[in-house]
N, C-alpha and C. Protein backbone atom coordinates (compact mmCIF):
# COMPACT_ATOMS: atom_id res chain seq x y z
N MET A 1 15.26 -4.87 -16.33
CA MET A 1 13.97 -4.68 -15.66
C MET A 1 14.13 -4.93 -14.18
N LYS A 2 13.54 -4.06 -13.38
CA LYS A 2 13.64 -4.21 -11.93
C LYS A 2 12.25 -4.27 -11.33
N THR A 3 12.09 -5.13 -10.36
CA THR A 3 10.84 -5.17 -9.62
C THR A 3 11.16 -5.25 -8.14
N SER A 4 10.19 -4.89 -7.32
CA SER A 4 10.37 -4.96 -5.88
C SER A 4 9.64 -6.19 -5.38
N LEU A 5 10.34 -7.08 -4.71
CA LEU A 5 9.71 -8.30 -4.21
C LEU A 5 10.22 -8.59 -2.81
N MET A 6 9.35 -8.43 -1.82
CA MET A 6 9.68 -8.79 -0.44
C MET A 6 8.56 -9.71 0.02
N ILE A 7 8.86 -11.00 0.10
CA ILE A 7 7.85 -11.98 0.45
C ILE A 7 7.18 -11.58 1.76
N ALA A 8 5.88 -11.63 1.78
CA ALA A 8 5.01 -11.41 2.94
C ALA A 8 4.65 -9.96 3.19
N THR A 9 5.45 -9.00 2.77
CA THR A 9 5.03 -7.62 2.99
C THR A 9 4.83 -6.86 1.68
N LEU A 10 5.52 -7.25 0.63
CA LEU A 10 5.35 -6.56 -0.65
C LEU A 10 5.03 -7.58 -1.73
N VAL A 11 4.16 -7.18 -2.64
CA VAL A 11 3.84 -8.00 -3.80
C VAL A 11 4.48 -7.34 -5.01
N ALA A 12 5.21 -8.10 -5.80
CA ALA A 12 5.92 -7.51 -6.94
C ALA A 12 4.97 -7.24 -8.09
N LEU A 13 5.16 -6.12 -8.76
CA LEU A 13 4.43 -5.78 -9.98
C LEU A 13 5.46 -5.44 -11.02
N SER A 14 5.58 -6.27 -12.06
CA SER A 14 6.64 -6.11 -13.04
C SER A 14 6.51 -4.78 -13.79
N THR A 15 7.65 -4.15 -13.99
CA THR A 15 7.66 -2.89 -14.73
C THR A 15 9.06 -2.67 -15.30
N SER A 16 9.13 -1.88 -16.34
CA SER A 16 10.44 -1.48 -16.85
C SER A 16 11.05 -0.51 -15.87
N GLN A 17 12.35 -0.37 -15.94
CA GLN A 17 13.04 0.58 -15.07
C GLN A 17 12.46 1.97 -15.29
N LEU A 18 12.18 2.65 -14.18
CA LEU A 18 11.51 3.93 -14.26
C LEU A 18 12.50 5.07 -14.05
N GLN A 19 12.33 6.12 -14.82
CA GLN A 19 13.22 7.26 -14.69
C GLN A 19 12.41 8.54 -14.78
N ALA A 20 13.08 9.64 -14.41
CA ALA A 20 12.61 11.02 -14.40
C ALA A 20 11.18 11.30 -14.84
N ALA A 21 10.71 12.48 -14.49
CA ALA A 21 9.36 12.92 -14.80
C ALA A 21 9.26 13.38 -16.25
N PRO A 22 8.05 13.33 -16.86
CA PRO A 22 6.85 12.65 -16.36
C PRO A 22 6.96 11.14 -16.56
N LEU A 23 6.25 10.40 -15.72
CA LEU A 23 6.31 8.94 -15.75
C LEU A 23 4.95 8.38 -16.12
N GLU A 24 4.90 7.47 -17.09
CA GLU A 24 3.65 6.88 -17.52
C GLU A 24 3.62 5.38 -17.21
N LEU A 25 2.52 4.94 -16.58
CA LEU A 25 2.33 3.54 -16.21
C LEU A 25 0.94 3.10 -16.63
N GLY A 26 0.82 1.86 -17.10
CA GLY A 26 -0.47 1.33 -17.49
C GLY A 26 -1.39 1.14 -16.28
N TYR A 27 -2.64 1.53 -16.42
CA TYR A 27 -3.62 1.41 -15.34
C TYR A 27 -4.03 -0.04 -15.09
N SER A 28 -4.08 -0.84 -16.14
CA SER A 28 -4.65 -2.19 -16.04
C SER A 28 -3.97 -3.08 -15.01
N GLY A 29 -2.65 -2.98 -14.88
CA GLY A 29 -1.94 -3.80 -13.91
C GLY A 29 -2.38 -3.50 -12.49
N PHE A 30 -2.60 -2.23 -12.19
CA PHE A 30 -3.09 -1.84 -10.87
C PHE A 30 -4.54 -2.28 -10.66
N TYR A 31 -5.33 -2.15 -11.72
CA TYR A 31 -6.75 -2.53 -11.62
C TYR A 31 -6.90 -4.00 -11.26
N LYS A 32 -6.07 -4.85 -11.81
CA LYS A 32 -6.16 -6.28 -11.53
C LYS A 32 -5.94 -6.55 -10.04
N TYR A 33 -5.02 -5.82 -9.43
CA TYR A 33 -4.80 -5.98 -7.99
C TYR A 33 -6.00 -5.49 -7.19
N MET A 34 -6.54 -4.32 -7.57
CA MET A 34 -7.69 -3.77 -6.85
C MET A 34 -8.90 -4.69 -6.98
N ALA A 35 -9.10 -5.26 -8.16
CA ALA A 35 -10.24 -6.15 -8.38
C ALA A 35 -10.09 -7.43 -7.55
N LYS A 36 -8.87 -7.91 -7.41
CA LYS A 36 -8.64 -9.12 -6.63
C LYS A 36 -8.94 -8.87 -5.15
N VAL A 37 -8.57 -7.69 -4.65
CA VAL A 37 -8.88 -7.35 -3.26
C VAL A 37 -10.39 -7.25 -3.06
N LYS A 38 -11.08 -6.61 -4.00
CA LYS A 38 -12.53 -6.48 -3.90
C LYS A 38 -13.21 -7.84 -3.89
N LYS A 39 -12.73 -8.74 -4.73
CA LYS A 39 -13.30 -10.08 -4.81
C LYS A 39 -13.08 -10.85 -3.51
N SER A 40 -12.01 -10.55 -2.79
CA SER A 40 -11.70 -11.27 -1.55
C SER A 40 -12.65 -10.89 -0.41
N ARG A 41 -13.34 -9.74 -0.53
CA ARG A 41 -14.31 -9.27 0.47
C ARG A 41 -13.69 -9.14 1.86
N ILE A 42 -12.46 -8.67 1.90
CA ILE A 42 -11.77 -8.42 3.16
C ILE A 42 -11.98 -6.95 3.53
N GLU A 43 -12.48 -6.71 4.72
CA GLU A 43 -12.95 -5.37 5.09
C GLU A 43 -11.85 -4.45 5.59
N HIS A 44 -10.89 -4.96 6.37
CA HIS A 44 -9.97 -4.09 7.09
C HIS A 44 -8.54 -4.11 6.54
N ALA A 45 -8.36 -4.54 5.31
CA ALA A 45 -7.02 -4.55 4.71
C ALA A 45 -7.13 -4.16 3.24
N GLU A 46 -6.05 -3.62 2.72
CA GLU A 46 -6.03 -3.16 1.33
C GLU A 46 -4.61 -3.28 0.80
N LEU A 47 -4.47 -2.96 -0.47
CA LEU A 47 -3.15 -2.87 -1.08
C LEU A 47 -2.81 -1.41 -1.30
N GLY A 48 -1.63 -1.00 -0.87
CA GLY A 48 -1.16 0.36 -1.10
C GLY A 48 -0.10 0.36 -2.18
N PHE A 49 -0.22 1.29 -3.13
CA PHE A 49 0.72 1.40 -4.24
C PHE A 49 1.76 2.48 -3.93
N TYR A 50 3.03 2.15 -4.19
CA TYR A 50 4.15 3.05 -3.92
C TYR A 50 5.17 2.96 -5.05
N LEU A 51 6.03 3.96 -5.14
CA LEU A 51 7.22 3.90 -5.98
C LEU A 51 8.43 4.00 -5.07
N SER A 52 9.19 2.92 -4.98
CA SER A 52 10.36 2.86 -4.11
C SER A 52 11.62 3.16 -4.91
N ARG A 53 12.54 3.87 -4.31
CA ARG A 53 13.81 4.13 -4.98
C ARG A 53 14.59 2.84 -5.15
N ALA A 54 15.12 2.63 -6.34
CA ALA A 54 15.84 1.40 -6.64
C ALA A 54 17.12 1.26 -5.82
N ASP A 55 17.64 2.39 -5.31
CA ASP A 55 18.87 2.32 -4.50
C ASP A 55 18.58 2.01 -3.03
N GLY A 56 17.30 1.77 -2.70
CA GLY A 56 16.94 1.42 -1.33
C GLY A 56 16.83 2.59 -0.38
N GLN A 57 16.90 3.82 -0.88
CA GLN A 57 16.89 5.01 -0.03
C GLN A 57 15.50 5.62 0.09
N GLY A 58 14.52 4.81 0.41
CA GLY A 58 13.17 5.33 0.63
C GLY A 58 12.31 5.33 -0.61
N LEU A 59 11.37 6.26 -0.66
CA LEU A 59 10.40 6.33 -1.74
C LEU A 59 10.75 7.42 -2.74
N CYS A 60 10.38 7.19 -3.98
CA CYS A 60 10.42 8.26 -4.97
C CYS A 60 9.26 9.21 -4.67
N THR A 61 9.45 10.49 -4.95
CA THR A 61 8.45 11.49 -4.62
C THR A 61 7.58 11.81 -5.83
N ILE A 62 6.28 11.57 -5.67
CA ILE A 62 5.31 11.88 -6.71
C ILE A 62 4.70 13.23 -6.38
N GLU A 63 4.80 14.18 -7.28
CA GLU A 63 4.24 15.51 -7.03
C GLU A 63 2.74 15.55 -7.34
N SER A 64 2.33 14.92 -8.42
CA SER A 64 0.92 14.90 -8.81
C SER A 64 0.75 13.87 -9.92
N GLY A 65 -0.50 13.62 -10.28
CA GLY A 65 -0.72 12.66 -11.35
C GLY A 65 -2.14 12.70 -11.86
N VAL A 66 -2.32 12.28 -13.10
CA VAL A 66 -3.64 12.16 -13.71
C VAL A 66 -3.75 10.81 -14.39
N ILE A 67 -5.00 10.41 -14.66
CA ILE A 67 -5.27 9.19 -15.40
C ILE A 67 -5.79 9.62 -16.77
N ARG A 68 -5.17 9.11 -17.81
CA ARG A 68 -5.44 9.61 -19.16
C ARG A 68 -5.77 8.47 -20.10
N VAL A 69 -6.72 8.70 -20.98
CA VAL A 69 -6.99 7.80 -22.09
C VAL A 69 -6.74 8.60 -23.36
N ASP A 70 -5.71 8.21 -24.11
CA ASP A 70 -5.24 9.01 -25.25
C ASP A 70 -4.91 10.41 -24.74
N ASP A 71 -5.58 11.44 -25.24
CA ASP A 71 -5.28 12.81 -24.79
C ASP A 71 -6.33 13.35 -23.84
N THR A 72 -7.24 12.49 -23.38
CA THR A 72 -8.33 12.92 -22.50
C THR A 72 -8.04 12.53 -21.06
N ILE A 73 -8.09 13.50 -20.14
CA ILE A 73 -7.91 13.22 -18.72
C ILE A 73 -9.21 12.65 -18.16
N ARG A 74 -9.12 11.46 -17.54
CA ARG A 74 -10.31 10.77 -17.04
C ARG A 74 -10.33 10.64 -15.51
N GLY A 75 -9.33 11.18 -14.84
CA GLY A 75 -9.31 11.10 -13.38
C GLY A 75 -7.99 11.61 -12.84
N GLU A 76 -7.91 11.69 -11.51
CA GLU A 76 -6.70 12.16 -10.85
C GLU A 76 -6.10 11.06 -9.99
N VAL A 77 -4.80 11.13 -9.80
CA VAL A 77 -4.09 10.24 -8.89
C VAL A 77 -3.91 10.99 -7.58
N THR A 78 -4.42 10.42 -6.49
CA THR A 78 -4.28 11.04 -5.18
C THR A 78 -2.99 10.56 -4.52
N VAL A 79 -2.15 11.49 -4.08
CA VAL A 79 -0.89 11.16 -3.42
C VAL A 79 -1.02 11.51 -1.94
N LEU A 80 -0.86 10.51 -1.06
CA LEU A 80 -0.98 10.72 0.37
C LEU A 80 0.35 11.18 0.97
N PRO A 81 0.31 11.82 2.15
CA PRO A 81 1.54 12.37 2.74
C PRO A 81 2.66 11.34 2.94
N HIS A 82 2.31 10.06 3.18
CA HIS A 82 3.36 9.06 3.41
C HIS A 82 3.86 8.42 2.11
N GLY A 83 3.43 8.93 0.94
CA GLY A 83 3.99 8.49 -0.33
C GLY A 83 3.14 7.53 -1.12
N GLN A 84 2.05 7.04 -0.55
CA GLN A 84 1.16 6.13 -1.27
C GLN A 84 0.39 6.90 -2.34
N PHE A 85 0.21 6.28 -3.52
CA PHE A 85 -0.67 6.90 -4.52
C PHE A 85 -1.92 6.04 -4.67
N VAL A 86 -3.08 6.73 -4.71
CA VAL A 86 -4.38 6.07 -4.67
C VAL A 86 -5.08 6.26 -6.00
N LEU A 87 -5.65 5.16 -6.52
CA LEU A 87 -6.32 5.17 -7.82
C LEU A 87 -7.78 4.79 -7.66
N PRO A 88 -8.65 5.33 -8.53
CA PRO A 88 -10.03 4.85 -8.54
C PRO A 88 -10.09 3.45 -9.14
N GLU A 89 -11.03 2.65 -8.65
CA GLU A 89 -11.23 1.33 -9.23
C GLU A 89 -12.34 1.45 -10.28
N ASP A 90 -11.97 1.38 -11.55
CA ASP A 90 -12.91 1.68 -12.62
C ASP A 90 -12.68 0.71 -13.79
N LYS A 91 -13.64 -0.17 -14.01
CA LYS A 91 -13.51 -1.16 -15.07
C LYS A 91 -13.39 -0.50 -16.44
N GLU A 92 -14.07 0.63 -16.63
CA GLU A 92 -14.01 1.32 -17.92
C GLU A 92 -12.59 1.80 -18.23
N LEU A 93 -11.89 2.29 -17.19
CA LEU A 93 -10.50 2.71 -17.39
C LEU A 93 -9.63 1.53 -17.79
N ASP A 94 -9.91 0.37 -17.21
CA ASP A 94 -9.19 -0.85 -17.56
C ASP A 94 -9.43 -1.21 -19.02
N LEU A 95 -10.70 -1.23 -19.42
CA LEU A 95 -11.06 -1.59 -20.79
C LEU A 95 -10.51 -0.59 -21.81
N ASP A 96 -10.44 0.67 -21.39
CA ASP A 96 -9.97 1.72 -22.30
C ASP A 96 -8.45 1.87 -22.31
N LYS A 97 -7.75 0.99 -21.60
CA LYS A 97 -6.28 1.00 -21.57
C LYS A 97 -5.74 2.35 -21.08
N ALA A 98 -6.27 2.82 -19.97
CA ALA A 98 -5.85 4.10 -19.42
C ALA A 98 -4.39 4.05 -18.97
N VAL A 99 -3.81 5.23 -18.85
CA VAL A 99 -2.41 5.38 -18.45
C VAL A 99 -2.32 6.38 -17.30
N LEU A 100 -1.50 6.05 -16.29
CA LEU A 100 -1.19 7.01 -15.24
C LEU A 100 -0.05 7.90 -15.72
N ALA A 101 -0.23 9.20 -15.61
CA ALA A 101 0.85 10.14 -15.94
C ALA A 101 1.25 10.83 -14.65
N LEU A 102 2.43 10.48 -14.13
CA LEU A 102 2.88 10.96 -12.83
C LEU A 102 4.00 11.98 -12.97
N GLU A 103 3.83 13.11 -12.31
CA GLU A 103 4.88 14.12 -12.25
C GLU A 103 5.78 13.79 -11.07
N MET A 104 7.05 13.55 -11.35
CA MET A 104 7.99 13.10 -10.33
C MET A 104 8.96 14.20 -9.93
N MET A 105 9.41 14.13 -8.68
CA MET A 105 10.47 15.02 -8.22
C MET A 105 11.79 14.28 -8.27
N GLY A 106 12.77 14.82 -8.95
CA GLY A 106 14.06 14.16 -9.06
C GLY A 106 14.09 13.18 -10.21
N SER A 107 15.23 12.50 -10.33
CA SER A 107 15.43 11.58 -11.47
C SER A 107 15.92 10.22 -11.01
N HIS A 108 15.45 9.76 -9.83
CA HIS A 108 15.87 8.46 -9.32
C HIS A 108 15.19 7.33 -10.08
N ASP A 109 15.90 6.22 -10.21
CA ASP A 109 15.27 5.01 -10.72
C ASP A 109 14.31 4.49 -9.65
N CYS A 110 13.13 4.05 -10.07
CA CYS A 110 12.10 3.64 -9.12
C CYS A 110 11.54 2.27 -9.47
N ASP A 111 11.09 1.55 -8.45
CA ASP A 111 10.41 0.27 -8.62
C ASP A 111 9.00 0.39 -8.05
N ILE A 112 8.04 -0.28 -8.67
CA ILE A 112 6.68 -0.29 -8.14
C ILE A 112 6.60 -1.28 -7.00
N SER A 113 6.05 -0.85 -5.87
CA SER A 113 5.83 -1.72 -4.72
C SER A 113 4.35 -1.74 -4.38
N VAL A 114 3.85 -2.91 -4.00
CA VAL A 114 2.46 -3.05 -3.59
C VAL A 114 2.46 -3.60 -2.17
N GLN A 115 2.01 -2.78 -1.22
CA GLN A 115 2.10 -3.09 0.21
C GLN A 115 0.75 -3.50 0.77
N ILE A 116 0.70 -4.63 1.47
CA ILE A 116 -0.49 -5.00 2.22
C ILE A 116 -0.54 -4.14 3.47
N GLN A 117 -1.67 -3.45 3.69
CA GLN A 117 -1.73 -2.47 4.75
C GLN A 117 -3.17 -2.16 5.12
N SER A 118 -3.32 -1.25 6.09
CA SER A 118 -4.63 -0.69 6.43
C SER A 118 -4.41 0.75 6.86
N ASN A 119 -5.22 1.66 6.34
CA ASN A 119 -5.17 3.05 6.76
C ASN A 119 -6.30 3.30 7.75
N LEU A 120 -5.95 3.83 8.93
CA LEU A 120 -6.92 3.98 10.00
C LEU A 120 -6.99 5.44 10.44
N ALA A 121 -8.21 5.95 10.54
CA ALA A 121 -8.39 7.33 11.00
C ALA A 121 -7.99 7.45 12.46
N GLY A 122 -7.62 8.65 12.87
CA GLY A 122 -7.19 8.86 14.25
C GLY A 122 -8.35 8.82 15.24
N GLY A 123 -8.00 8.76 16.52
CA GLY A 123 -8.99 8.72 17.58
C GLY A 123 -8.74 7.57 18.52
N GLU A 124 -9.73 7.25 19.33
CA GLU A 124 -9.61 6.13 20.26
C GLU A 124 -9.96 4.84 19.52
N VAL A 125 -9.02 3.90 19.52
CA VAL A 125 -9.18 2.65 18.76
C VAL A 125 -9.05 1.47 19.71
N ALA A 126 -10.04 0.59 19.71
CA ALA A 126 -9.99 -0.59 20.57
C ALA A 126 -8.94 -1.57 20.07
N LEU A 127 -8.26 -2.23 20.99
CA LEU A 127 -7.29 -3.25 20.61
C LEU A 127 -7.95 -4.37 19.82
N SER A 128 -9.22 -4.65 20.12
CA SER A 128 -9.93 -5.70 19.37
C SER A 128 -10.08 -5.33 17.90
N GLU A 129 -10.24 -4.03 17.61
CA GLU A 129 -10.32 -3.58 16.21
C GLU A 129 -8.98 -3.75 15.51
N LEU A 130 -7.89 -3.43 16.22
CA LEU A 130 -6.56 -3.60 15.65
C LEU A 130 -6.26 -5.08 15.42
N HIS A 131 -6.78 -5.93 16.29
CA HIS A 131 -6.60 -7.37 16.13
C HIS A 131 -7.32 -7.85 14.88
N GLN A 132 -8.50 -7.29 14.60
CA GLN A 132 -9.23 -7.64 13.38
C GLN A 132 -8.48 -7.19 12.14
N VAL A 133 -7.85 -6.01 12.22
CA VAL A 133 -7.03 -5.52 11.11
C VAL A 133 -5.90 -6.52 10.83
N GLU A 134 -5.24 -6.97 11.89
CA GLU A 134 -4.15 -7.93 11.72
C GLU A 134 -4.65 -9.20 11.04
N ASP A 135 -5.78 -9.73 11.49
CA ASP A 135 -6.35 -10.94 10.90
C ASP A 135 -6.64 -10.74 9.41
N ASP A 136 -7.23 -9.59 9.06
CA ASP A 136 -7.59 -9.35 7.67
C ASP A 136 -6.36 -9.16 6.79
N MET A 137 -5.31 -8.51 7.31
CA MET A 137 -4.09 -8.35 6.52
C MET A 137 -3.46 -9.71 6.23
N TYR A 138 -3.50 -10.60 7.22
CA TYR A 138 -2.92 -11.93 7.03
C TYR A 138 -3.73 -12.72 6.01
N ARG A 139 -5.06 -12.62 6.08
CA ARG A 139 -5.92 -13.30 5.11
C ARG A 139 -5.66 -12.78 3.70
N LEU A 140 -5.53 -11.46 3.57
CA LEU A 140 -5.26 -10.87 2.25
C LEU A 140 -3.90 -11.31 1.74
N LEU A 141 -2.93 -11.36 2.62
CA LEU A 141 -1.59 -11.82 2.25
C LEU A 141 -1.64 -13.23 1.67
N GLN A 142 -2.40 -14.11 2.33
CA GLN A 142 -2.53 -15.48 1.84
C GLN A 142 -3.21 -15.52 0.48
N LYS A 143 -4.24 -14.70 0.29
CA LYS A 143 -4.94 -14.69 -0.99
C LYS A 143 -4.04 -14.16 -2.11
N MET A 144 -3.25 -13.13 -1.81
CA MET A 144 -2.37 -12.57 -2.83
C MET A 144 -1.22 -13.51 -3.15
N ALA A 145 -0.82 -14.33 -2.17
CA ALA A 145 0.27 -15.28 -2.40
C ALA A 145 -0.17 -16.42 -3.32
N GLY A 146 -1.49 -16.68 -3.36
CA GLY A 146 -2.00 -17.72 -4.24
C GLY A 146 -1.61 -19.12 -3.78
N TRP A 147 -1.80 -20.08 -4.69
CA TRP A 147 -1.44 -21.46 -4.39
C TRP A 147 -0.19 -21.82 -5.20
N PRO A 148 0.83 -22.44 -4.61
CA PRO A 148 0.91 -22.91 -3.22
C PRO A 148 1.55 -21.91 -2.26
N GLY A 149 1.78 -20.66 -2.73
CA GLY A 149 2.48 -19.68 -1.91
C GLY A 149 1.88 -19.45 -0.55
N ARG A 150 0.53 -19.58 -0.43
CA ARG A 150 -0.13 -19.32 0.85
C ARG A 150 0.35 -20.25 1.95
N TYR A 151 0.86 -21.42 1.57
CA TYR A 151 1.33 -22.37 2.58
C TYR A 151 2.71 -22.03 3.12
N PHE A 152 3.35 -21.04 2.50
CA PHE A 152 4.71 -20.66 2.91
C PHE A 152 4.75 -19.26 3.52
N VAL A 153 3.59 -18.65 3.71
CA VAL A 153 3.54 -17.32 4.32
C VAL A 153 3.87 -17.44 5.81
N PRO A 154 4.85 -16.71 6.31
CA PRO A 154 5.23 -16.83 7.74
C PRO A 154 4.15 -16.26 8.64
N GLU A 155 4.10 -16.73 9.86
CA GLU A 155 3.16 -16.22 10.85
C GLU A 155 3.55 -14.79 11.23
N LEU A 156 2.56 -14.01 11.62
CA LEU A 156 2.82 -12.64 12.04
C LEU A 156 3.24 -12.58 13.50
N LYS A 157 4.16 -11.66 13.81
CA LYS A 157 4.47 -11.33 15.20
C LYS A 157 3.44 -10.35 15.76
N GLY A 158 2.86 -9.56 14.85
CA GLY A 158 1.90 -8.54 15.24
C GLY A 158 1.76 -7.51 14.13
N ILE A 159 1.65 -6.24 14.50
CA ILE A 159 1.48 -5.18 13.51
C ILE A 159 2.39 -3.99 13.82
N LYS A 160 2.65 -3.19 12.79
CA LYS A 160 3.38 -1.94 12.95
C LYS A 160 2.44 -0.79 12.61
N LEU A 161 2.45 0.24 13.44
CA LEU A 161 1.64 1.42 13.21
C LEU A 161 2.56 2.61 12.96
N THR A 162 2.36 3.28 11.84
CA THR A 162 3.18 4.43 11.47
C THR A 162 2.25 5.61 11.19
N PRO A 163 2.52 6.80 11.76
CA PRO A 163 1.65 7.95 11.50
C PRO A 163 1.50 8.21 10.00
N ALA A 164 0.26 8.52 9.59
CA ALA A 164 0.00 8.80 8.18
C ALA A 164 0.72 10.05 7.72
N LYS A 165 0.91 11.01 8.64
CA LYS A 165 1.68 12.21 8.35
C LYS A 165 3.07 12.04 8.96
N PRO A 166 4.12 12.04 8.14
CA PRO A 166 5.48 11.74 8.63
C PRO A 166 5.94 12.58 9.82
N GLU A 167 5.41 13.80 9.96
CA GLU A 167 5.87 14.66 11.06
C GLU A 167 5.21 14.30 12.39
N GLN A 168 4.19 13.48 12.39
CA GLN A 168 3.53 13.11 13.62
C GLN A 168 4.24 11.95 14.31
N ARG A 169 3.91 11.74 15.61
CA ARG A 169 4.51 10.68 16.40
C ARG A 169 3.43 9.93 17.18
N ILE A 170 3.74 8.71 17.58
CA ILE A 170 2.88 7.93 18.47
C ILE A 170 3.64 7.77 19.77
N ASN A 171 3.16 8.41 20.81
CA ASN A 171 3.86 8.39 22.11
C ASN A 171 5.32 8.81 21.95
N GLY A 172 5.56 9.79 21.09
CA GLY A 172 6.90 10.32 20.88
C GLY A 172 7.77 9.52 19.92
N GLU A 173 7.23 8.41 19.39
CA GLU A 173 8.02 7.54 18.51
C GLU A 173 7.51 7.62 17.07
N ARG A 174 8.42 7.32 16.14
CA ARG A 174 8.05 7.30 14.72
C ARG A 174 7.19 6.11 14.36
N GLN A 175 7.26 5.05 15.17
CA GLN A 175 6.51 3.83 14.85
C GLN A 175 6.19 3.08 16.15
N LEU A 176 5.04 2.42 16.17
CA LEU A 176 4.63 1.61 17.31
C LEU A 176 4.41 0.18 16.83
N THR A 177 5.00 -0.79 17.53
CA THR A 177 4.74 -2.19 17.22
C THR A 177 3.91 -2.81 18.33
N LEU A 178 2.96 -3.64 17.93
CA LEU A 178 2.11 -4.35 18.88
C LEU A 178 2.17 -5.84 18.59
N THR A 179 2.46 -6.63 19.61
CA THR A 179 2.54 -8.08 19.45
C THR A 179 1.13 -8.67 19.42
N GLN A 180 1.03 -9.92 19.00
CA GLN A 180 -0.26 -10.60 19.02
C GLN A 180 -0.80 -10.69 20.44
N GLU A 181 0.08 -10.87 21.41
CA GLU A 181 -0.34 -10.94 22.81
C GLU A 181 -0.96 -9.61 23.25
N GLN A 182 -0.35 -8.51 22.86
CA GLN A 182 -0.90 -7.20 23.21
C GLN A 182 -2.25 -6.96 22.53
N LEU A 183 -2.37 -7.40 21.29
CA LEU A 183 -3.62 -7.21 20.54
C LEU A 183 -4.76 -8.03 21.14
N ALA A 184 -4.43 -9.09 21.84
CA ALA A 184 -5.46 -9.95 22.44
C ALA A 184 -5.98 -9.39 23.76
N GLU A 185 -5.33 -8.34 24.26
CA GLU A 185 -5.75 -7.75 25.54
C GLU A 185 -6.98 -6.86 25.34
N GLU A 186 -7.62 -6.52 26.44
CA GLU A 186 -8.71 -5.55 26.40
C GLU A 186 -8.13 -4.15 26.53
N GLY A 187 -8.89 -3.17 26.05
CA GLY A 187 -8.43 -1.80 26.16
C GLY A 187 -8.44 -1.09 24.83
N SER A 188 -7.88 0.12 24.80
CA SER A 188 -7.86 0.92 23.58
C SER A 188 -6.64 1.82 23.57
N LEU A 189 -6.37 2.41 22.43
CA LEU A 189 -5.27 3.35 22.25
C LEU A 189 -5.80 4.62 21.60
N THR A 190 -5.23 5.75 21.96
CA THR A 190 -5.54 7.00 21.28
C THR A 190 -4.43 7.27 20.27
N LEU A 191 -4.80 7.32 18.99
CA LEU A 191 -3.82 7.37 17.92
C LEU A 191 -4.09 8.52 16.96
N PRO A 192 -3.03 9.03 16.31
CA PRO A 192 -3.26 9.88 15.14
C PRO A 192 -3.69 8.97 13.98
N ALA A 193 -4.00 9.54 12.84
CA ALA A 193 -4.24 8.71 11.66
C ALA A 193 -2.97 7.89 11.40
N VAL A 194 -3.14 6.57 11.19
CA VAL A 194 -1.98 5.70 11.05
C VAL A 194 -2.12 4.78 9.84
N ARG A 195 -0.97 4.32 9.37
CA ARG A 195 -0.91 3.25 8.39
C ARG A 195 -0.42 2.00 9.12
N ILE A 196 -1.16 0.93 9.00
CA ILE A 196 -0.84 -0.31 9.69
C ILE A 196 -0.29 -1.32 8.69
N THR A 197 0.83 -1.95 9.02
CA THR A 197 1.42 -2.96 8.16
C THR A 197 1.75 -4.20 8.98
N PRO A 198 1.87 -5.36 8.33
CA PRO A 198 2.20 -6.60 9.06
C PRO A 198 3.60 -6.52 9.66
N TRP A 199 3.78 -7.20 10.79
CA TRP A 199 5.08 -7.31 11.45
C TRP A 199 5.42 -8.79 11.53
N PHE A 200 6.54 -9.14 10.87
CA PHE A 200 6.96 -10.55 10.80
C PHE A 200 8.20 -10.77 11.67
């Protein structure tokens, strides 16, 4: 059994070793994470679900997916351009023991990764808003770490911004990092749609 565990940026979700398409995963494990985030009432941070290649060479590619209860399709899995898959938060699907059926490209072994992040629409964004995102991601990280793990979460250096569409750039770069000092300044940035993650 393989799991992905990177303290402070990834939360491990236990799973059997995953192989070739189609891939089936229980919905309930994901629902528990989504419900915990909702209960935390944190506005500017979320958990992103991914399938990472076990060999460390990036993400496994999900072509499409549905949510199924027995032989009945009850919803779709949305796959974003940067590899995140998005699920509806539905207590009924949890109670009904729903299953994700994912069509995969290739036959790589994959691990489930859960990333603390924030997805931000493009446009002019105030540094104060980005600072709030950083605060909320850190609060969510502490809540997900639980007790006593929250006391061992390292302080953030700042945040990393990565274009939501892999072909896009921020000021010509694939990624932009902002320190806490920069986030405390006044001003704004013009950005494409971005995924924001903690920087340690």
